Amino acid sequence: MLYLTNDKQFIELIESIQCAAKLLLCRVNDLLDSSTLEKGTFTKNVKVFDLIKSVQEIISINSPQASYRDIELKVKQLNELPKYISSDNTRLQ
């Protein structure tokens, strides 16, 4: 359904909603992880991911609320970051 329209703004909105939903799920998982921390059985989910894409998603998701508060979010030196890193992407976001 996402790509049935040619309206670029609509597509960007849907993609932003998908990213926000993904982050919300991560936050719910964080709450569930707290019990594993208490038990001492917590493990990180380390994998290789696109760091630049993750940073752009974070900015995209948080920009509307920042704009509402007259805050402009900018990423400086994005091109100096490595494209891929090995880490726990969920914890990074």
C-alpha atoms as a PDB file:
ATOM      1  CA  MET A   1       0.000   0.000   0.000  1.00  0.00           C
ATOM      2  CA  LEU A   2       2.911   2.313   0.720  1.00  0.00           C
ATOM      3  CA  TYR A   3       3.912   2.835  -2.896  1.00  0.00           C
ATOM      4  CA  LEU A   4       0.497   2.991  -4.556  1.00  0.00           C
ATOM      5  CA  THR A   5       0.670   6.774  -4.696  1.00  0.00           C
ATOM      6  CA  ASN A   6       3.006   9.181  -6.414  1.00  0.00           C
ATOM      7  CA  ASP A   7       2.574  11.808  -3.695  1.00  0.00           C
ATOM      8  CA  LYS A   8       6.101  12.112  -2.277  1.00  0.00           C
ATOM      9  CA  GLN A   9       4.898  13.896   0.851  1.00  0.00           C
ATOM     10  CA  PHE A  10       2.393  11.107   1.597  1.00  0.00           C
ATOM     11  CA  ILE A  11       5.055   8.446   1.135  1.00  0.00           C
ATOM     12  CA  GLU A  12       7.434  10.301   3.466  1.00  0.00           C
ATOM     13  CA  LEU A  13       4.663  10.571   6.060  1.00  0.00           C
ATOM     14  CA  ILE A  14       3.939   6.836   5.903  1.00  0.00           C
ATOM     15  CA  GLU A  15       7.649   6.014   6.140  1.00  0.00           C
ATOM     16  CA  SER A  16       7.947   8.311   9.154  1.00  0.00           C
ATOM     17  CA  ILE A  17       4.978   6.573  10.806  1.00  0.00           C
ATOM     18  CA  GLN A  18       6.601   3.200  10.163  1.00  0.00           C
ATOM     19  CA  CYS A  19       9.855   4.387  11.765  1.00  0.00           C
ATOM     20  CA  ALA A  20       7.984   5.794  14.767  1.00  0.00           C
ATOM     21  CA  ALA A  21       6.132   2.496  15.206  1.00  0.00           C
ATOM     22  CA  LYS A  22       9.418   0.616  15.073  1.00  0.00           C
ATOM     23  CA  LEU A  23      10.907   2.890  17.734  1.00  0.00           C
ATOM     24  CA  LEU A  24       7.823   2.540  19.922  1.00  0.00           C
ATOM     25  CA  LEU A  25       8.163  -1.222  19.749  1.00  0.00           C
ATOM     26  CA  CYS A  26      11.802  -0.855  20.766  1.00  0.00           C
ATOM     27  CA  ARG A  27      10.774   1.213  23.802  1.00  0.00           C
ATOM     28  CA  VAL A  28       8.251  -1.441  24.839  1.00  0.00           C
ATOM     29  CA  ASN A  29      10.998  -4.021  24.501  1.00  0.00           C
ATOM     30  CA  ASP A  30      13.233  -1.818  26.670  1.00  0.00           C
ATOM     31  CA  LEU A  31      10.639  -2.001  29.421  1.00  0.00           C
ATOM     32  CA  LEU A  32      10.498  -5.757  29.087  1.00  0.00           C
ATOM     33  CA  ASP A  33      14.305  -5.903  29.129  1.00  0.00           C
ATOM     34  CA  SER A  34      14.344  -4.298  32.578  1.00  0.00           C
ATOM     35  CA  SER A  35      13.183  -7.591  34.078  1.00  0.00           C
ATOM     36  CA  THR A  36      16.026  -9.444  32.366  1.00  0.00           C
ATOM     37  CA  LEU A  37      18.458  -6.859  33.754  1.00  0.00           C
ATOM     38  CA  GLU A  38      17.183  -7.552  37.247  1.00  0.00           C
ATOM     39  CA  LYS A  39      17.661 -11.284  36.703  1.00  0.00           C
ATOM     40  CA  GLY A  40      21.131 -10.771  35.247  1.00  0.00           C
ATOM     41  CA  THR A  41      20.235 -12.442  31.954  1.00  0.00           C
ATOM     42  CA  PHE A  42      20.268  -9.383  29.671  1.00  0.00           C
ATOM     43  CA  THR A  43      22.040  -9.713  26.323  1.00  0.00           C
ATOM     44  CA  LYS A  44      22.705  -7.122  23.654  1.00  0.00           C
ATOM     45  CA  ASN A  45      21.533  -7.590  20.081  1.00  0.00           C
ATOM     46  CA  VAL A  46      24.707  -6.607  18.246  1.00  0.00           C
ATOM     47  CA  LYS A  47      24.605  -6.543  14.452  1.00  0.00           C
ATOM     48  CA  VAL A  48      25.890  -4.487  11.531  1.00  0.00           C
ATOM     49  CA  PHE A  49      23.521  -1.680  10.503  1.00  0.00           C
ATOM     50  CA  ASP A  50      23.460   1.538   8.489  1.00  0.00           C
ATOM     51  CA  LEU A  51      24.406   4.263  10.986  1.00  0.00           C
ATOM     52  CA  ILE A  52      23.649   7.177   8.662  1.00  0.00           C
ATOM     53  CA  LYS A  53      20.158   5.833   7.910  1.00  0.00           C
ATOM     54  CA  SER A  54      19.517   5.379  11.644  1.00  0.00           C
ATOM     55  CA  VAL A  55      20.585   8.957  12.401  1.00  0.00           C
ATOM     56  CA  GLN A  56      18.366  10.256   9.599  1.00  0.00           C
ATOM     57  CA  GLU A  57      15.401   8.242  10.954  1.00  0.00           C
ATOM     58  CA  ILE A  58      15.946   9.643  14.446  1.00  0.00           C
ATOM     59  CA  ILE A  59      15.988  13.199  13.077  1.00  0.00           C
ATOM     60  CA  SER A  60      12.924  12.546  10.913  1.00  0.00           C
ATOM     61  CA  ILE A  61      10.911  11.157  13.794  1.00  0.00           C
ATOM     62  CA  ASN A  62      11.864  13.891  16.268  1.00  0.00           C
ATOM     63  CA  SER A  63      11.755  16.887  13.904  1.00  0.00           C
ATOM     64  CA  PRO A  64       7.987  17.550  14.092  1.00  0.00           C
ATOM     65  CA  GLN A  65       7.998  17.805  17.890  1.00  0.00           C
ATOM     66  CA  ALA A  66      11.198  19.856  17.845  1.00  0.00           C
ATOM     67  CA  SER A  67       9.728  22.189  15.229  1.00  0.00           C
ATOM     68  CA  TYR A  68       6.603  22.624  17.353  1.00  0.00           C
ATOM     69  CA  ARG A  69       8.918  23.870  20.113  1.00  0.00           C
ATOM     70  CA  ASP A  70      10.877  26.091  17.703  1.00  0.00           C
ATOM     71  CA  ILE A  71      13.915  23.820  17.808  1.00  0.00           C
ATOM     72  CA  GLU A  72      15.769  22.954  14.627  1.00  0.00           C
ATOM     73  CA  LEU A  73      17.468  19.568  14.610  1.00  0.00           C
ATOM     74  CA  LYS A  74      20.633  19.357  12.545  1.00  0.00           C
ATOM     75  CA  VAL A  75      23.253  16.725  12.026  1.00  0.00           C
ATOM     76  CA  LYS A  76      26.722  18.090  11.524  1.00  0.00           C
ATOM     77  CA  GLN A  77      29.395  16.093   9.755  1.00  0.00           C
ATOM     78  CA  LEU A  78      27.053  13.244   8.814  1.00  0.00           C
ATOM     79  CA  ASN A  79      29.340  12.429   5.898  1.00  0.00           C
ATOM     80  CA  GLU A  80      32.224  11.844   8.338  1.00  0.00           C
ATOM     81  CA  LEU A  81      30.393   9.011  10.111  1.00  0.00           C
ATOM     82  CA  PRO A  82      31.037   5.453   9.016  1.00  0.00           C
ATOM     83  CA  LYS A  83      28.162   4.141   6.906  1.00  0.00           C
ATOM     84  CA  TYR A  84      27.982   0.822   8.744  1.00  0.00           C
ATOM     85  CA  ILE A  85      28.816  -0.021  12.332  1.00  0.00           C
ATOM     86  CA  SER A  86      28.438  -3.071  14.528  1.00  0.00           C
ATOM     87  CA  SER A  87      26.370  -2.269  17.607  1.00  0.00           C
ATOM     88  CA  ASP A  88      22.972  -2.661  19.232  1.00  0.00           C
ATOM     89  CA  ASN A  89      20.924  -0.358  17.003  1.00  0.00           C
ATOM     90  CA  THR A  90      17.924  -0.411  19.332  1.00  0.00           C
ATOM     91  CA  ARG A  91      19.984   0.901  22.257  1.00  0.00           C
ATOM     92  CA  LEU A  92      21.618   3.511  20.061  1.00  0.00           C
ATOM     93  CA  GLN A  93      18.283   4.999  19.040  1.00  0.00           C
END
